[in-house]
Amino acid sequence: MPIDFPMPGAETMPSTQNPDAPIGARQARKITKEFAARLARKERGPDPHVRRESFDVEDRRARVFRPIGDGTKAGAMSWIDCILKVARDYDDLERMKGGARPLGHTAIAVLEVLRGRRGRKRIPIDFRTGRLDPMIDTIAEAVALARITVVRALAKLKAKGFLSWVRRTMKTGQDGQFAPQRRQTSNAYFFDLAAMPTHVRQRLRDLVEAGRRSRVARAAAVPAEPPPPAPPQNAGLRAALKALGDRLPGANTTSSPAIPHQG
């Protein structure tokens, strides 16, 4: 009968897995997330440090930027003012009904920063293309709030349809190496008003249309400069006028005559 001899040092090696040991809170959360991800059919990519549902910046699914308003500076600024007004009014109205504010002051402040209306530092936004991709730390610095507060504010804005985004990644340039192939980068922010409450979305459309009509009316009210007088069509008349102009005093001089010294 064969005898199993223990490996040297086996008696001093602690067991790394104990089926009877209780599961820690962190491990339980990990198991729950993995199970929920499988139910939602969300698969993690080959890089474990990249968040789920992230797309490379060159992927068409990450190209979500859209023009702000009509893409012009005037149209974009008017559209931004409209959506900020709608957000404030919606927040105040729900509060007046006796409920909690659906956005709150911090979420509106974050929205104002992203729209270029406030902040310690301006976050660049391209009105024509709609490009808006600041880091969360940049937003937190601009609005002077903690990072976790900004994350919660962004979640509220997304839940009510005032903002949306896509997670993005970038290639690390280490192809073929035993190293991470992608790294997380900033989100691509855009507006998808489908998640807005119906009455809020309609209010926004009404304000945007009123602003457009106002800009058109102001442009029509500005008097246009009169066109220059057309030259005479008669060749003889043109020649006569030219000859008359040539005979006028100083017509052929290029500078004013010297003023005699008086003294």
C-alpha atoms as a PDB file:
ATOM      1  CA  MET A   1       0.000   0.000   0.000  1.00  0.00           C
ATOM      2  CA  PRO A   2       1.607   3.271  -1.103  1.00  0.00           C
ATOM      3  CA  ILE A   3       2.269   5.867   1.514  1.00  0.00           C
ATOM      4  CA  ASP A   4       1.736   9.570   0.726  1.00  0.00           C
ATOM      5  CA  PHE A   5       4.551  11.627   2.143  1.00  0.00           C
ATOM      6  CA  PRO A   6       3.840  15.299   2.786  1.00  0.00           C
ATOM      7  CA  MET A   7       5.798  17.841   0.776  1.00  0.00           C
ATOM      8  CA  PRO A   8       8.591  19.566   2.685  1.00  0.00           C
ATOM      9  CA  GLY A   9       7.250  22.597   4.479  1.00  0.00           C
ATOM     10  CA  ALA A  10       3.645  21.609   3.812  1.00  0.00           C
ATOM     11  CA  GLU A  11       2.879  21.640   7.486  1.00  0.00           C
ATOM     12  CA  THR A  12       3.957  25.256   7.725  1.00  0.00           C
ATOM     13  CA  MET A  13       2.065  26.487   4.623  1.00  0.00           C
ATOM     14  CA  PRO A  14      -1.283  28.057   5.582  1.00  0.00           C
ATOM     15  CA  SER A  15      -4.316  27.076   3.595  1.00  0.00           C
ATOM     16  CA  THR A  16      -5.293  29.797   1.106  1.00  0.00           C
ATOM     17  CA  GLN A  17      -8.811  28.535   0.548  1.00  0.00           C
ATOM     18  CA  ASN A  18     -11.162  27.516   3.271  1.00  0.00           C
ATOM     19  CA  PRO A  19     -14.655  26.576   2.055  1.00  0.00           C
ATOM     20  CA  ASP A  20     -16.049  27.202   5.514  1.00  0.00           C
ATOM     21  CA  ALA A  21     -14.570  30.706   5.837  1.00  0.00           C
ATOM     22  CA  PRO A  22     -17.127  33.547   5.619  1.00  0.00           C
ATOM     23  CA  ILE A  23     -17.173  35.672   2.437  1.00  0.00           C
ATOM     24  CA  GLY A  24     -15.998  39.233   2.952  1.00  0.00           C
ATOM     25  CA  ALA A  25     -18.091  42.231   1.960  1.00  0.00           C
ATOM     26  CA  ARG A  26     -15.711  43.176  -0.860  1.00  0.00           C
ATOM     27  CA  GLN A  27     -15.738  39.674  -2.318  1.00  0.00           C
ATOM     28  CA  ALA A  28     -19.516  39.537  -2.024  1.00  0.00           C
ATOM     29  CA  ARG A  29     -19.855  42.794  -3.982  1.00  0.00           C
ATOM     30  CA  LYS A  30     -17.531  41.437  -6.662  1.00  0.00           C
ATOM     31  CA  ILE A  31     -19.584  38.255  -7.014  1.00  0.00           C
ATOM     32  CA  THR A  32     -22.808  40.284  -7.182  1.00  0.00           C
ATOM     33  CA  LYS A  33     -21.435  42.570  -9.897  1.00  0.00           C
ATOM     34  CA  GLU A  34     -20.189  39.657 -11.966  1.00  0.00           C
ATOM     35  CA  PHE A  35     -23.539  37.893 -11.699  1.00  0.00           C
ATOM     36  CA  ALA A  36     -25.443  41.086 -12.643  1.00  0.00           C
ATOM     37  CA  ALA A  37     -23.108  41.639 -15.595  1.00  0.00           C
ATOM     38  CA  ARG A  38     -23.787  38.133 -16.891  1.00  0.00           C
ATOM     39  CA  LEU A  39     -27.540  38.665 -16.590  1.00  0.00           C
ATOM     40  CA  ALA A  40     -27.216  41.934 -18.554  1.00  0.00           C
ATOM     41  CA  ARG A  41     -24.918  40.212 -21.078  1.00  0.00           C
ATOM     42  CA  LYS A  42     -22.115  42.654 -20.372  1.00  0.00           C
ATOM     43  CA  GLU A  43     -18.709  41.154 -20.868  1.00  0.00           C
ATOM     44  CA  ARG A  44     -15.461  42.605 -19.610  1.00  0.00           C
ATOM     45  CA  GLY A  45     -12.801  43.109 -22.273  1.00  0.00           C
ATOM     46  CA  PRO A  46      -9.297  41.608 -22.256  1.00  0.00           C
ATOM     47  CA  ASP A  47      -7.953  44.483 -20.129  1.00  0.00           C
ATOM     48  CA  PRO A  48      -9.216  44.108 -16.555  1.00  0.00           C
ATOM     49  CA  HIS A  49      -8.607  47.770 -15.683  1.00  0.00           C
ATOM     50  CA  VAL A  50     -10.928  49.014 -18.436  1.00  0.00           C
ATOM     51  CA  ARG A  51     -14.522  49.588 -17.398  1.00  0.00           C
ATOM     52  CA  ARG A  52     -17.355  47.683 -18.989  1.00  0.00           C
ATOM     53  CA  GLU A  53     -19.164  49.145 -21.987  1.00  0.00           C
ATOM     54  CA  SER A  54     -16.128  51.220 -22.989  1.00  0.00           C
ATOM     55  CA  PHE A  55     -15.303  51.856 -26.630  1.00  0.00           C
ATOM     56  CA  ASP A  56     -12.105  52.938 -28.297  1.00  0.00           C
ATOM     57  CA  VAL A  57     -12.013  56.635 -29.243  1.00  0.00           C
ATOM     58  CA  GLU A  58     -11.833  55.612 -32.910  1.00  0.00           C
ATOM     59  CA  ASP A  59     -14.842  53.315 -32.612  1.00  0.00           C
ATOM     60  CA  ARG A  60     -17.980  54.706 -34.255  1.00  0.00           C
ATOM     61  CA  ARG A  61     -19.917  53.910 -31.070  1.00  0.00           C
ATOM     62  CA  ALA A  62     -17.754  56.453 -29.242  1.00  0.00           C
ATOM     63  CA  ARG A  63     -18.408  59.187 -31.806  1.00  0.00           C
ATOM     64  CA  VAL A  64     -21.478  60.646 -30.162  1.00  0.00           C
ATOM     65  CA  PHE A  65     -20.763  64.376 -30.379  1.00  0.00           C
ATOM     66  CA  ARG A  66     -23.512  66.478 -31.933  1.00  0.00           C
ATOM     67  CA  PRO A  67     -23.674  70.203 -32.810  1.00  0.00           C
ATOM     68  CA  ILE A  68     -24.890  72.442 -29.992  1.00  0.00           C
ATOM     69  CA  GLY A  69     -28.066  74.135 -31.171  1.00  0.00           C
ATOM     70  CA  ASP A  70     -27.573  75.014 -34.827  1.00  0.00           C
ATOM     71  CA  GLY A  71     -23.787  74.929 -34.521  1.00  0.00           C
ATOM     72  CA  THR A  72     -23.319  78.711 -34.582  1.00  0.00           C
ATOM     73  CA  LYS A  73     -22.103  80.657 -31.565  1.00  0.00           C
ATOM     74  CA  ALA A  74     -25.349  82.619 -31.220  1.00  0.00           C
ATOM     75  CA  GLY A  75     -27.526  79.545 -31.700  1.00  0.00           C
ATOM     76  CA  ALA A  76     -25.449  77.421 -29.317  1.00  0.00           C
ATOM     77  CA  MET A  77     -25.425  80.016 -26.545  1.00  0.00           C
ATOM     78  CA  SER A  78     -29.190  80.452 -26.884  1.00  0.00           C
ATOM     79  CA  TRP A  79     -29.698  76.675 -26.706  1.00  0.00           C
ATOM     80  CA  ILE A  80     -27.478  76.450 -23.617  1.00  0.00           C
ATOM     81  CA  ASP A  81     -29.434  79.217 -21.883  1.00  0.00           C
ATOM     82  CA  CYS A  82     -32.664  77.383 -22.685  1.00  0.00           C
ATOM     83  CA  ILE A  83     -31.609  74.036 -21.260  1.00  0.00           C
ATOM     84  CA  LEU A  84     -30.224  75.667 -18.110  1.00  0.00           C
ATOM     85  CA  LYS A  85     -33.480  77.559 -17.588  1.00  0.00           C
ATOM     86  CA  VAL A  86     -35.490  74.373 -18.111  1.00  0.00           C
ATOM     87  CA  ALA A  87     -33.300  72.508 -15.603  1.00  0.00           C
ATOM     88  CA  ARG A  88     -33.733  75.205 -12.934  1.00  0.00           C
ATOM     89  CA  ASP A  89     -37.474  75.519 -13.516  1.00  0.00           C
ATOM     90  CA  TYR A  90     -37.951  71.745 -13.425  1.00  0.00           C
ATOM     91  CA  ASP A  91     -36.004  71.486 -10.176  1.00  0.00           C
ATOM     92  CA  ASP A  92     -37.958  74.324  -8.548  1.00  0.00           C
ATOM     93  CA  LEU A  93     -41.340  73.016  -9.746  1.00  0.00           C
ATOM     94  CA  GLU A  94     -40.783  69.545  -8.308  1.00  0.00           C
ATOM     95  CA  ARG A  95     -39.650  71.102  -5.031  1.00  0.00           C
ATOM     96  CA  MET A  96     -42.779  73.278  -4.890  1.00  0.00           C
ATOM     97  CA  LYS A  97     -44.905  70.148  -5.262  1.00  0.00           C
ATOM     98  CA  GLY A  98     -43.501  68.975  -1.955  1.00  0.00           C
ATOM     99  CA  GLY A  99     -41.010  66.454  -3.254  1.00  0.00           C
ATOM    100  CA  ALA A 100     -37.245  66.385  -3.321  1.00  0.00           C
ATOM    101  CA  ARG A 101     -35.312  68.232  -5.978  1.00  0.00           C
ATOM    102  CA  PRO A 102     -34.675  65.751  -8.823  1.00  0.00           C
ATOM    103  CA  LEU A 103     -31.398  67.481  -9.746  1.00  0.00           C
ATOM    104  CA  GLY A 104     -30.315  69.703  -6.890  1.00  0.00           C
ATOM    105  CA  HIS A 105     -27.995  72.670  -6.860  1.00  0.00           C
ATOM    106  CA  THR A 106     -24.825  70.627  -7.381  1.00  0.00           C
ATOM    107  CA  ALA A 107     -26.132  68.891 -10.525  1.00  0.00           C
ATOM    108  CA  ILE A 108     -27.232  72.220 -12.003  1.00  0.00           C
ATOM    109  CA  ALA A 109     -23.829  73.711 -11.139  1.00  0.00           C
ATOM    110  CA  VAL A 110     -22.102  70.828 -12.949  1.00  0.00           C
ATOM    111  CA  LEU A 111     -24.391  71.366 -15.953  1.00  0.00           C
ATOM    112  CA  GLU A 112     -23.511  75.081 -15.971  1.00  0.00           C
ATOM    113  CA  VAL A 113     -19.798  74.260 -15.906  1.00  0.00           C
ATOM    114  CA  LEU A 114     -20.125  71.802 -18.785  1.00  0.00           C
ATOM    115  CA  ARG A 115     -22.035  74.420 -20.767  1.00  0.00           C
ATOM    116  CA  GLY A 116     -19.404  77.097 -20.160  1.00  0.00           C
ATOM    117  CA  ARG A 117     -21.589  79.314 -17.988  1.00  0.00           C
ATOM    118  CA  ARG A 118     -19.563  79.170 -14.757  1.00  0.00           C
ATOM    119  CA  GLY A 119     -16.510  77.650 -13.155  1.00  0.00           C
ATOM    120  CA  ARG A 120     -13.026  78.454 -11.922  1.00  0.00           C
ATOM    121  CA  LYS A 121     -11.703  77.362 -15.288  1.00  0.00           C
ATOM    122  CA  ARG A 122     -13.463  77.185 -18.618  1.00  0.00           C
ATOM    123  CA  ILE A 123     -14.070  73.747 -20.052  1.00  0.00           C
ATOM    124  CA  PRO A 124     -13.642  73.904 -23.830  1.00  0.00           C
ATOM    125  CA  ILE A 125     -16.617  72.973 -25.971  1.00  0.00           C
ATOM    126  CA  ASP A 126     -16.851  73.065 -29.759  1.00  0.00           C
ATOM    127  CA  PHE A 127     -20.257  74.445 -30.718  1.00  0.00           C
ATOM    128  CA  ARG A 128     -19.979  73.261 -34.320  1.00  0.00           C
ATOM    129  CA  THR A 129     -19.098  69.633 -33.568  1.00  0.00           C
ATOM    130  CA  GLY A 130     -20.367  69.413 -29.988  1.00  0.00           C
ATOM    131  CA  ARG A 131     -17.106  67.936 -28.738  1.00  0.00           C
ATOM    132  CA  LEU A 132     -17.112  67.843 -24.937  1.00  0.00           C
ATOM    133  CA  ASP A 133     -14.783  65.382 -23.220  1.00  0.00           C
ATOM    134  CA  PRO A 134     -13.287  66.736 -19.969  1.00  0.00           C
ATOM    135  CA  MET A 135     -11.899  64.470 -17.295  1.00  0.00           C
ATOM    136  CA  ILE A 136     -14.023  64.152 -14.158  1.00  0.00           C
ATOM    137  CA  ASP A 137     -11.192  65.665 -12.109  1.00  0.00           C
ATOM    138  CA  THR A 138     -11.253  68.682 -14.447  1.00  0.00           C
ATOM    139  CA  ILE A 139     -14.991  69.113 -13.875  1.00  0.00           C
ATOM    140  CA  ALA A 140     -14.504  68.814 -10.112  1.00  0.00           C
ATOM    141  CA  GLU A 141     -11.792  71.477 -10.164  1.00  0.00           C
ATOM    142  CA  ALA A 142     -13.891  73.829 -12.287  1.00  0.00           C
ATOM    143  CA  VAL A 143     -16.995  73.551 -10.107  1.00  0.00           C
ATOM    144  CA  ALA A 144     -15.016  73.400  -6.835  1.00  0.00           C
ATOM    145  CA  LEU A 145     -16.640  70.166  -5.662  1.00  0.00           C
ATOM    146  CA  ALA A 146     -15.312  66.791  -4.581  1.00  0.00           C
ATOM    147  CA  ARG A 147     -14.944  64.135  -7.254  1.00  0.00           C
ATOM    148  CA  ILE A 148     -17.572  61.841  -5.695  1.00  0.00           C
ATOM    149  CA  THR A 149     -20.025  64.760  -5.576  1.00  0.00           C
ATOM    150  CA  VAL A 150     -19.490  65.398  -9.282  1.00  0.00           C
ATOM    151  CA  VAL A 151     -19.992  61.705 -10.072  1.00  0.00           C
ATOM    152  CA  ARG A 152     -23.316  61.712  -8.214  1.00  0.00           C
ATOM    153  CA  ALA A 153     -24.384  64.946  -9.937  1.00  0.00           C
ATOM    154  CA  LEU A 154     -23.587  63.472 -13.354  1.00  0.00           C
ATOM    155  CA  ALA A 155     -25.683  60.420 -12.503  1.00  0.00           C
ATOM    156  CA  LYS A 156     -28.673  62.656 -11.659  1.00  0.00           C
ATOM    157  CA  LEU A 157     -28.300  64.607 -14.907  1.00  0.00           C
ATOM    158  CA  LYS A 158     -28.183  61.379 -16.893  1.00  0.00           C
ATOM    159  CA  ALA A 159     -31.180  59.885 -15.104  1.00  0.00           C
ATOM    160  CA  LYS A 160     -33.328  62.909 -16.015  1.00  0.00           C
ATOM    161  CA  GLY A 161     -32.100  63.207 -19.607  1.00  0.00           C
ATOM    162  CA  PHE A 162     -30.125  66.428 -19.240  1.00  0.00           C
ATOM    163  CA  LEU A 163     -26.833  64.760 -20.131  1.00  0.00           C
ATOM    164  CA  SER A 164     -25.457  61.483 -21.410  1.00  0.00           C
ATOM    165  CA  TRP A 165     -22.035  60.029 -22.126  1.00  0.00           C
ATOM    166  CA  VAL A 166     -20.058  57.113 -23.493  1.00  0.00           C
ATOM    167  CA  ARG A 167     -17.055  55.588 -21.737  1.00  0.00           C
ATOM    168  CA  ARG A 168     -13.970  55.597 -23.916  1.00  0.00           C
ATOM    169  CA  THR A 169     -10.583  53.934 -24.070  1.00  0.00           C
ATOM    170  CA  MET A 170      -7.332  54.528 -25.909  1.00  0.00           C
ATOM    171  CA  LYS A 171      -4.759  52.077 -27.211  1.00  0.00           C
ATOM    172  CA  THR A 172      -1.564  51.915 -25.168  1.00  0.00           C
ATOM    173  CA  GLY A 173       0.680  51.202 -28.163  1.00  0.00           C
ATOM    174  CA  GLN A 174       1.995  48.006 -26.608  1.00  0.00           C
ATOM    175  CA  ASP A 175       0.706  45.650 -29.277  1.00  0.00           C
ATOM    176  CA  GLY A 176       2.052  42.125 -29.009  1.00  0.00           C
ATOM    177  CA  GLN A 177       3.469  42.694 -25.540  1.00  0.00           C
ATOM    178  CA  PHE A 178       2.363  41.091 -22.299  1.00  0.00           C
ATOM    179  CA  ALA A 179       0.935  44.409 -21.090  1.00  0.00           C
ATOM    180  CA  PRO A 180      -2.379  46.293 -21.058  1.00  0.00           C
ATOM    181  CA  GLN A 181      -3.548  46.996 -24.586  1.00  0.00           C
ATOM    182  CA  ARG A 182      -6.040  49.727 -23.686  1.00  0.00           C
ATOM    183  CA  ARG A 183      -6.397  52.378 -21.001  1.00  0.00           C
ATOM    184  CA  GLN A 184      -9.387  54.345 -19.794  1.00  0.00           C
ATOM    185  CA  THR A 185      -9.699  57.931 -20.983  1.00  0.00           C
ATOM    186  CA  SER A 186     -12.297  60.679 -20.524  1.00  0.00           C
ATOM    187  CA  ASN A 187     -15.971  60.200 -21.319  1.00  0.00           C
ATOM    188  CA  ALA A 188     -17.598  61.676 -24.411  1.00  0.00           C
ATOM    189  CA  TYR A 189     -20.518  63.818 -23.221  1.00  0.00           C
ATOM    190  CA  PHE A 190     -23.552  64.606 -25.358  1.00  0.00           C
ATOM    191  CA  PHE A 191     -27.261  65.387 -25.125  1.00  0.00           C
ATOM    192  CA  ASP A 192     -29.884  62.706 -25.680  1.00  0.00           C
ATOM    193  CA  LEU A 193     -33.198  64.261 -24.740  1.00  0.00           C
ATOM    194  CA  ALA A 194     -35.178  61.022 -25.098  1.00  0.00           C
ATOM    195  CA  ALA A 195     -34.780  60.307 -21.379  1.00  0.00           C
ATOM    196  CA  MET A 196     -36.243  63.693 -20.387  1.00  0.00           C
ATOM    197  CA  PRO A 197     -39.736  63.820 -18.934  1.00  0.00           C
ATOM    198  CA  THR A 198     -42.129  64.592 -21.788  1.00  0.00           C
ATOM    199  CA  HIS A 199     -43.326  67.938 -20.455  1.00  0.00           C
ATOM    200  CA  VAL A 200     -39.750  69.055 -19.763  1.00  0.00           C
ATOM    201  CA  ARG A 201     -38.631  68.125 -23.273  1.00  0.00           C
ATOM    202  CA  GLN A 202     -41.566  70.020 -24.791  1.00  0.00           C
ATOM    203  CA  ARG A 203     -40.775  73.067 -22.649  1.00  0.00           C
ATOM    204  CA  LEU A 204     -37.202  73.006 -23.946  1.00  0.00           C
ATOM    205  CA  ARG A 205     -38.375  72.812 -27.557  1.00  0.00           C
ATOM    206  CA  ASP A 206     -40.724  75.763 -27.045  1.00  0.00           C
ATOM    207  CA  LEU A 207     -37.942  77.890 -25.551  1.00  0.00           C
ATOM    208  CA  VAL A 208     -35.499  76.977 -28.317  1.00  0.00           C
ATOM    209  CA  GLU A 209     -38.048  77.858 -31.004  1.00  0.00           C
ATOM    210  CA  ALA A 210     -38.870  81.168 -29.299  1.00  0.00           C
ATOM    211  CA  GLY A 211     -35.161  81.998 -29.158  1.00  0.00           C
ATOM    212  CA  ARG A 212     -34.744  81.197 -32.847  1.00  0.00           C
ATOM    213  CA  ARG A 213     -37.630  83.473 -33.807  1.00  0.00           C
ATOM    214  CA  SER A 214     -36.232  86.251 -31.653  1.00  0.00           C
ATOM    215  CA  ARG A 215     -32.834  86.033 -33.388  1.00  0.00           C
ATOM    216  CA  VAL A 216     -34.485  86.108 -36.807  1.00  0.00           C
ATOM    217  CA  ALA A 217     -36.562  89.153 -35.842  1.00  0.00           C
ATOM    218  CA  ARG A 218     -33.512  91.015 -34.518  1.00  0.00           C
ATOM    219  CA  ALA A 219     -31.562  90.263 -37.678  1.00  0.00           C
ATOM    220  CA  ALA A 220     -34.421  91.552 -39.847  1.00  0.00           C
ATOM    221  CA  ALA A 221     -34.692  94.755 -37.815  1.00  0.00           C
ATOM    222  CA  VAL A 222     -31.064  95.774 -38.439  1.00  0.00           C
ATOM    223  CA  PRO A 223     -31.045  98.280 -41.326  1.00  0.00           C
ATOM    224  CA  ALA A 224     -28.900  97.192 -44.215  1.00  0.00           C
ATOM    225  CA  GLU A 225     -26.239  99.549 -45.571  1.00  0.00           C
ATOM    226  CA  PRO A 226     -27.376 101.298 -48.762  1.00  0.00           C
ATOM    227  CA  PRO A 227     -25.650 100.012 -51.889  1.00  0.00           C
ATOM    228  CA  PRO A 228     -23.170 102.360 -53.620  1.00  0.00           C
ATOM    229  CA  PRO A 229     -24.622 104.479 -56.457  1.00  0.00           C
ATOM    230  CA  ALA A 230     -24.443 102.827 -59.827  1.00  0.00           C
ATOM    231  CA  PRO A 231     -22.214 104.547 -62.423  1.00  0.00           C
ATOM    232  CA  PRO A 232     -23.956 106.339 -65.349  1.00  0.00           C
ATOM    233  CA  GLN A 233     -24.789 104.046 -68.219  1.00  0.00           C
ATOM    234  CA  ASN A 234     -24.216 106.748 -70.893  1.00  0.00           C
ATOM    235  CA  ALA A 235     -20.582 106.778 -72.064  1.00  0.00           C
ATOM    236  CA  GLY A 236     -20.721 110.451 -73.021  1.00  0.00           C
ATOM    237  CA  LEU A 237     -22.065 111.436 -69.630  1.00  0.00           C
ATOM    238  CA  ARG A 238     -19.318 109.435 -67.894  1.00  0.00           C
ATOM    239  CA  ALA A 239     -16.633 111.196 -69.929  1.00  0.00           C
ATOM    240  CA  ALA A 240     -18.118 114.625 -69.182  1.00  0.00           C
ATOM    241  CA  LEU A 241     -18.227 113.923 -65.456  1.00  0.00           C
ATOM    242  CA  LYS A 242     -14.641 112.734 -65.493  1.00  0.00           C
ATOM    243  CA  ALA A 243     -13.465 115.831 -67.345  1.00  0.00           C
ATOM    244  CA  LEU A 244     -15.329 118.042 -64.885  1.00  0.00           C
ATOM    245  CA  GLY A 245     -13.704 116.257 -61.962  1.00  0.00           C
ATOM    246  CA  ASP A 246     -10.252 116.669 -63.472  1.00  0.00           C
ATOM    247  CA  ARG A 247     -10.724 120.460 -63.708  1.00  0.00           C
ATOM    248  CA  LEU A 248     -11.617 120.836 -60.040  1.00  0.00           C
ATOM    249  CA  PRO A 249      -8.880 122.454 -57.841  1.00  0.00           C
ATOM    250  CA  GLY A 250      -6.652 119.865 -56.219  1.00  0.00           C
ATOM    251  CA  ALA A 251      -8.140 117.007 -58.214  1.00  0.00           C
ATOM    252  CA  ASN A 252      -4.703 115.833 -59.366  1.00  0.00           C
ATOM    253  CA  THR A 253      -2.834 116.387 -56.069  1.00  0.00           C
ATOM    254  CA  THR A 254      -2.187 113.513 -53.726  1.00  0.00           C
ATOM    255  CA  SER A 255      -1.660 115.584 -50.574  1.00  0.00           C
ATOM    256  CA  SER A 256      -2.957 118.765 -49.015  1.00  0.00           C
ATOM    257  CA  PRO A 257      -1.149 122.021 -50.052  1.00  0.00           C
ATOM    258  CA  ALA A 258       1.357 123.369 -47.585  1.00  0.00           C
ATOM    259  CA  ILE A 259       0.045 126.006 -45.220  1.00  0.00           C
ATOM    260  CA  PRO A 260       2.194 129.159 -45.435  1.00  0.00           C
ATOM    261  CA  HIS A 261       3.995 130.042 -42.256  1.00  0.00           C
ATOM    262  CA  GLN A 262       2.476 132.952 -40.433  1.00  0.00           C
ATOM    263  CA  GLY A 263       4.631 134.892 -38.127  1.00  0.00           C
END
